[in-house]
Amino acid sequence: MHPFEVTILGCSSATPTSSRNPTAQILNHCERYFLIDCGEATQIQLRKFKFKMQRIDHIFISHLHGDHYLGLPGLLSTMHLLGREKELHIYSPPGLQEIINVGHYHSKTFLKYKTVFHVLEEGSRGIIFEDEKLTVETIPMNHRIPCCGFLFREKKYLRNIIKEKIEEYSIPVQEIPHIKEGKDLITSSGKTISNTELTTDPPEPRSYAYCSDTIYNESYIDQIMNVDLIYHESTFTSEMIDRAKETYHCTAKEAGMIAQKSNVKKMIIGHFSARYRDLSPLLSEAKECFSNTVLAEEGETYAV
């Protein structure tokens, strides 16, 4: 199986702590890196955990609260100073390009590489990135400002051809791609060999849902139904539910409810308020609703 995994770079909410940084994650799919949010110290975390930042070609920013994007100006500058030349794609709600351009204007910074900004429409679901292996679509969140999550879905794999069958039936090279697509083989004598004899089933496509800042609501449950791994913000425990509603965040228990109702396989909770030194109460609370829950830990990698 090709790698499909997410590494936590930051798991704190608005205020960093001495042991937790603001939100950022790096997703590795088939040795391609996608950066999800970019709070302060993201580039330091990338170095600390030995990720080559120049391999990042796509950055997804969920919303324009500082704990989700303030690391971006520094990261762009470092990429420039290290000689980056290939273009970089940045996906975000409206306004981020203006913020970055103002900084570059006043510092007289002229990047050596092209940055392509993709503006995300508030409240919409849609595919914003696609290649031959993967799609990324937006998940509308309900926060104080325009905000979205991101759903990464693998495309269906081709069938696996059995190597011994290639020799047994003298399968021409040009026929192999068609067989992998599910077609039967017609031999030179006119005999039909069933595809099921020639191939094995491919692995099931995997999926990862990144659910950023949001007040509790169930509007996106249908979109994330049955995903393999979900990250969900869990800023507070239930005793702080009034504060959660006031700031448009979720409690750990509410995140557990979302995971349970979505029938996901596993959940990571994060975006912890700095008031919690001990995170075990948040984990226990989430597990009341969804047992297969783990805490986001910086430097830890979680397989999808």
Protein backbone atom coordinates (compact mmCIF):
# COMPACT_ATOMS: atom_id res chain seq x y z
CA MET A 1 0.00 0.00 0.00
CA HIS A 2 1.18 3.49 -0.82
CA PRO A 3 1.60 5.76 2.22
CA PHE A 4 -1.40 7.81 3.23
CA GLU A 5 -0.71 9.38 6.62
CA VAL A 6 -0.95 12.62 8.54
CA THR A 7 1.64 14.09 10.91
CA ILE A 8 0.63 16.64 13.54
CA LEU A 9 2.82 19.76 13.54
CA GLY A 10 0.65 21.81 15.89
CA CYS A 11 -2.38 20.97 18.03
CA SER A 12 -3.03 24.08 20.14
CA SER A 13 -5.86 26.55 19.63
CA ALA A 14 -5.51 30.33 19.54
CA THR A 15 -2.79 30.56 22.19
CA PRO A 16 0.32 28.39 21.95
CA THR A 17 1.80 26.83 25.07
CA SER A 18 5.34 25.82 26.00
CA SER A 19 4.60 22.33 24.69
CA ARG A 20 1.96 22.87 22.01
CA ASN A 21 2.04 24.95 18.82
CA PRO A 22 -0.88 26.38 16.80
CA THR A 23 -2.60 24.25 14.22
CA ALA A 24 -0.73 22.66 11.33
CA GLN A 25 -0.59 19.20 9.79
CA ILE A 26 1.28 17.62 6.92
CA LEU A 27 -0.38 14.89 4.91
CA ASN A 28 1.73 12.41 2.96
CA HIS A 29 -0.01 10.68 0.09
CA CYS A 30 2.22 8.56 -2.12
CA GLU A 31 5.25 10.60 -0.97
CA ARG A 32 3.57 13.87 -1.96
CA TYR A 33 3.21 16.43 0.82
CA PHE A 34 0.11 18.55 1.43
CA LEU A 35 0.21 21.16 4.22
CA ILE A 36 -3.05 21.70 6.10
CA ASP A 37 -3.16 25.01 7.98
CA CYS A 38 0.01 26.86 8.90
CA GLY A 39 0.04 28.33 12.40
CA GLU A 40 3.07 29.98 13.93
CA ALA A 41 6.21 27.80 14.10
CA THR A 42 5.06 25.52 11.28
CA GLN A 43 8.36 25.83 9.43
CA ILE A 44 10.24 25.12 12.66
CA GLN A 45 8.15 22.00 13.19
CA LEU A 46 8.79 20.90 9.60
CA ARG A 47 12.52 21.09 10.27
CA LYS A 48 12.22 19.45 13.67
CA PHE A 49 10.39 16.45 12.26
CA LYS A 50 12.57 16.32 9.13
CA PHE A 51 10.06 17.20 6.42
CA LYS A 52 11.52 18.88 3.35
CA MET A 53 9.41 21.99 2.94
CA GLN A 54 10.30 22.37 -0.73
CA ARG A 55 8.37 19.18 -1.44
CA ILE A 56 5.16 20.94 -0.41
CA ASP A 57 3.33 22.12 -3.53
CA HIS A 58 -0.18 22.59 -2.08
CA ILE A 59 -1.16 24.43 1.12
CA PHE A 60 -4.73 24.40 2.44
CA ILE A 61 -5.77 27.16 4.87
CA SER A 62 -9.10 26.57 6.58
CA HIS A 63 -9.76 30.16 7.69
CA LEU A 64 -8.09 33.45 8.49
CA HIS A 65 -7.74 33.31 12.26
CA GLY A 66 -4.08 33.76 13.04
CA ASP A 67 -3.53 30.41 14.69
CA HIS A 68 -4.25 28.80 11.32
CA TYR A 69 -2.17 30.92 8.95
CA LEU A 70 0.36 33.19 10.71
CA GLY A 71 3.18 30.75 9.97
CA LEU A 72 2.61 31.13 6.25
CA PRO A 73 4.53 34.39 5.59
CA GLY A 74 7.66 32.97 7.19
CA LEU A 75 7.33 29.67 5.35
CA LEU A 76 6.95 31.44 1.98
CA SER A 77 9.99 33.57 2.75
CA THR A 78 12.13 30.57 3.68
CA MET A 79 11.11 28.72 0.53
CA HIS A 80 12.21 31.82 -1.41
CA LEU A 81 15.54 32.13 0.41
CA LEU A 82 16.25 28.44 -0.20
CA GLY A 83 15.90 28.99 -3.95
CA ARG A 84 12.50 27.56 -4.70
CA GLU A 85 11.50 27.92 -8.34
CA LYS A 86 8.45 25.67 -8.82
CA GLU A 87 5.05 27.21 -8.27
CA LEU A 88 3.12 26.85 -5.03
CA HIS A 89 -0.66 26.52 -4.78
CA ILE A 90 -2.47 28.03 -1.79
CA TYR A 91 -6.15 27.36 -1.12
CA SER A 92 -7.99 29.62 1.35
CA PRO A 93 -11.05 31.79 1.98
CA PRO A 94 -10.93 35.31 0.50
CA GLY A 95 -8.35 37.76 1.82
CA LEU A 96 -5.21 35.72 2.26
CA GLN A 97 -3.57 36.85 -0.96
CA GLU A 98 -4.12 40.47 0.06
CA ILE A 99 -2.53 39.83 3.47
CA ILE A 100 0.52 38.18 1.93
CA ASN A 101 0.89 40.83 -0.79
CA VAL A 102 0.83 43.69 1.74
CA GLY A 103 3.69 42.10 3.67
CA HIS A 104 5.71 41.54 0.52
CA TYR A 105 5.04 45.10 -0.68
CA HIS A 106 6.29 46.77 2.50
CA SER A 107 9.32 44.48 2.80
CA LYS A 108 10.08 44.75 -0.91
CA THR A 109 10.06 40.97 -1.19
CA PHE A 110 9.88 39.48 -4.68
CA LEU A 111 9.48 35.72 -4.53
CA LYS A 112 11.52 33.70 -7.01
CA TYR A 113 8.60 31.34 -7.52
CA LYS A 114 4.97 31.80 -8.50
CA THR A 115 2.25 31.53 -5.86
CA VAL A 116 -1.18 30.57 -7.18
CA PHE A 117 -4.02 31.50 -4.83
CA HIS A 118 -7.27 29.55 -5.06
CA VAL A 119 -10.13 31.38 -3.35
CA LEU A 120 -12.63 29.10 -1.63
CA GLU A 121 -16.29 30.03 -1.77
CA GLU A 122 -17.93 30.27 1.64
CA GLY A 123 -20.35 27.48 2.47
CA SER A 124 -19.75 25.47 -0.67
CA ARG A 125 -18.77 21.87 -1.15
CA GLY A 126 -16.63 21.12 -4.14
CA ILE A 127 -13.45 19.55 -5.43
CA ILE A 128 -10.61 22.07 -5.24
CA PHE A 129 -7.75 19.73 -6.18
CA GLU A 130 -7.61 16.61 -8.30
CA ASP A 131 -4.96 14.49 -9.93
CA GLU A 132 -4.73 10.88 -11.02
CA LYS A 133 -4.54 9.61 -7.43
CA LEU A 134 -6.47 11.93 -5.15
CA THR A 135 -9.23 14.50 -4.80
CA VAL A 136 -9.57 17.22 -2.17
CA GLU A 137 -12.93 18.81 -1.48
CA THR A 138 -14.09 21.51 0.90
CA ILE A 139 -16.24 20.76 3.95
CA PRO A 140 -18.26 23.82 5.06
CA MET A 141 -17.74 24.64 8.74
CA ASN A 142 -19.83 26.99 10.91
CA HIS A 143 -17.36 29.37 12.56
CA ARG A 144 -17.25 33.11 13.34
CA ILE A 145 -15.66 33.83 9.96
CA PRO A 146 -15.67 31.88 6.66
CA CYS A 147 -14.13 28.50 7.39
CA CYS A 148 -13.93 25.10 5.78
CA GLY A 149 -12.48 21.68 6.39
CA PHE A 150 -10.89 19.47 3.76
CA LEU A 151 -11.75 15.94 2.65
CA PHE A 152 -8.96 13.94 1.02
CA ARG A 153 -10.16 10.93 -0.95
CA GLU A 154 -8.09 8.41 -2.84
CA LYS A 155 -9.33 7.48 -6.27
CA LYS A 156 -10.18 3.88 -6.94
CA TYR A 157 -7.08 1.82 -7.66
CA LEU A 158 -6.66 -0.28 -10.79
CA ARG A 159 -6.90 -4.03 -10.40
CA ASN A 160 -3.71 -5.95 -9.63
CA ILE A 161 -2.61 -8.22 -12.47
CA ILE A 162 -1.21 -11.60 -11.43
CA LYS A 163 2.34 -11.78 -12.80
CA GLU A 164 2.21 -15.50 -13.45
CA LYS A 165 -0.81 -15.01 -15.70
CA ILE A 166 1.17 -12.68 -17.97
CA GLU A 167 3.55 -15.52 -18.83
CA GLU A 168 0.88 -18.22 -18.84
CA TYR A 169 -1.24 -16.47 -21.45
CA SER A 170 1.59 -14.54 -23.16
CA ILE A 171 -0.29 -11.31 -22.50
CA PRO A 172 0.92 -8.52 -24.79
CA VAL A 173 2.29 -5.47 -22.98
CA GLN A 174 -0.30 -3.20 -24.60
CA GLU A 175 -3.14 -5.31 -23.15
CA ILE A 176 -2.00 -5.01 -19.52
CA PRO A 177 -3.47 -1.52 -18.89
CA HIS A 178 -6.86 -2.67 -20.24
CA ILE A 179 -6.83 -5.75 -18.02
CA LYS A 180 -6.01 -3.60 -14.99
CA GLU A 181 -9.07 -1.52 -15.86
CA GLY A 182 -11.21 -4.66 -15.62
CA LYS A 183 -11.43 -5.95 -19.17
CA ASP A 184 -11.23 -9.63 -20.10
CA LEU A 185 -8.44 -11.00 -22.27
CA ILE A 186 -9.14 -12.30 -25.77
CA THR A 187 -6.33 -14.66 -26.72
CA SER A 188 -4.93 -15.01 -30.24
CA SER A 189 -7.03 -18.16 -30.64
CA GLY A 190 -10.18 -16.24 -29.77
CA LYS A 191 -10.62 -17.67 -26.25
CA THR A 192 -11.92 -15.31 -23.56
CA ILE A 193 -10.06 -15.31 -20.23
CA SER A 194 -12.09 -13.74 -17.44
CA ASN A 195 -10.59 -10.72 -15.73
CA THR A 196 -11.19 -12.32 -12.35
CA GLU A 197 -8.75 -15.07 -13.31
CA LEU A 198 -6.10 -12.59 -14.34
CA THR A 199 -6.31 -10.04 -11.53
CA THR A 200 -6.95 -9.54 -7.84
CA ASP A 201 -9.05 -6.86 -6.20
CA PRO A 202 -7.29 -3.58 -5.50
CA PRO A 203 -7.23 -2.14 -1.97
CA GLU A 204 -10.19 -0.03 -0.97
CA PRO A 205 -9.65 3.73 -1.46
CA ARG A 206 -8.90 5.55 1.79
CA SER A 207 -10.15 8.92 3.03
CA TYR A 208 -9.16 11.60 5.55
CA ALA A 209 -11.42 14.39 6.80
CA TYR A 210 -9.93 17.49 8.40
CA CYS A 211 -12.70 19.27 10.32
CA SER A 212 -11.48 22.69 11.36
CA ASP A 213 -13.02 25.23 13.74
CA THR A 214 -16.79 25.00 14.02
CA ILE A 215 -19.65 25.24 16.44
CA TYR A 216 -21.44 21.92 16.84
CA ASN A 217 -23.67 21.21 13.88
CA GLU A 218 -24.49 18.12 11.86
CA SER A 219 -24.63 19.67 8.40
CA TYR A 220 -21.46 17.93 7.18
CA ILE A 221 -22.08 14.46 8.61
CA ASP A 222 -23.32 13.11 5.29
CA GLN A 223 -20.15 14.35 3.57
CA ILE A 224 -17.74 12.64 5.98
CA MET A 225 -19.79 9.48 6.42
CA ASN A 226 -17.65 6.32 6.69
CA VAL A 227 -14.27 8.03 6.25
CA ASP A 228 -11.26 6.10 7.50
CA LEU A 229 -9.76 8.85 9.65
CA ILE A 230 -11.17 12.13 10.88
CA TYR A 231 -9.48 15.02 12.65
CA HIS A 232 -11.93 17.15 14.59
CA GLU A 233 -11.39 20.25 16.65
CA SER A 234 -12.12 19.70 20.35
CA THR A 235 -11.23 22.98 22.00
CA PHE A 236 -13.03 22.55 25.33
CA THR A 237 -14.50 20.04 27.76
CA SER A 238 -18.26 20.07 28.30
CA GLU A 239 -18.04 22.23 31.42
CA MET A 240 -16.99 25.03 29.05
CA ILE A 241 -19.85 24.51 26.62
CA ASP A 242 -21.08 28.09 26.97
CA ARG A 243 -17.61 29.35 26.04
CA ALA A 244 -17.55 26.88 23.15
CA LYS A 245 -20.81 28.25 21.78
CA GLU A 246 -19.68 31.85 22.29
CA THR A 247 -16.48 31.27 20.30
CA TYR A 248 -18.03 28.88 17.76
CA HIS A 249 -16.02 25.85 18.82
CA CYS A 250 -16.77 22.25 19.77
CA THR A 251 -16.33 20.36 22.99
CA ALA A 252 -14.59 16.99 22.96
CA LYS A 253 -17.91 15.28 23.62
CA GLU A 254 -19.49 17.01 20.63
CA ALA A 255 -16.59 15.88 18.43
CA GLY A 256 -17.23 12.34 19.65
CA MET A 257 -20.89 12.70 18.71
CA ILE A 258 -19.93 13.79 15.18
CA ALA A 259 -17.59 10.80 14.80
CA GLN A 260 -20.20 8.38 16.11
CA LYS A 261 -22.95 9.70 13.86
CA SER A 262 -20.61 9.72 10.85
CA ASN A 263 -19.63 6.07 11.36
CA VAL A 264 -15.95 6.93 10.86
CA LYS A 265 -13.29 4.36 11.69
CA LYS A 266 -10.96 6.50 13.82
CA MET A 267 -10.80 10.06 15.16
CA ILE A 268 -8.00 12.40 16.18
CA ILE A 269 -9.00 15.33 18.38
CA GLY A 270 -7.00 18.54 18.57
CA HIS A 271 -7.07 22.36 18.69
CA PHE A 272 -6.86 22.23 22.46
CA SER A 273 -7.39 25.34 24.57
CA ALA A 274 -4.23 26.47 26.35
CA ARG A 275 -6.11 26.24 29.66
CA TYR A 276 -5.64 22.43 29.61
CA ARG A 277 -2.25 21.21 30.76
CA ASP A 278 -3.63 17.68 31.11
CA LEU A 279 -5.49 16.57 27.98
CA SER A 280 -6.83 13.32 29.38
CA PRO A 281 -10.23 14.83 30.34
CA LEU A 282 -10.80 15.79 26.69
CA LEU A 283 -9.86 12.32 25.50
CA SER A 284 -12.10 10.64 28.08
CA GLU A 285 -15.01 12.86 27.14
CA ALA A 286 -14.67 12.17 23.41
CA LYS A 287 -14.40 8.44 24.07
CA GLU A 288 -17.74 8.46 25.87
CA CYS A 289 -19.32 8.83 22.42
CA PHE A 290 -16.63 7.36 20.17
CA SER A 291 -14.16 4.90 21.65
CA ASN A 292 -11.62 4.85 18.81
CA THR A 293 -10.37 8.35 19.55
CA VAL A 294 -6.77 9.51 20.07
CA LEU A 295 -5.21 12.82 21.02
CA ALA A 296 -3.33 14.84 18.42
CA GLU A 297 0.32 14.72 19.52
CA GLU A 298 2.90 16.86 17.80
CA GLY A 299 5.39 14.80 15.82
CA GLU A 300 3.09 11.75 15.79
CA THR A 301 2.07 10.24 12.47
CA TYR A 302 -1.32 8.58 12.02
CA ALA A 303 -2.05 6.20 9.18
CA VAL A 304 -5.27 6.78 7.25
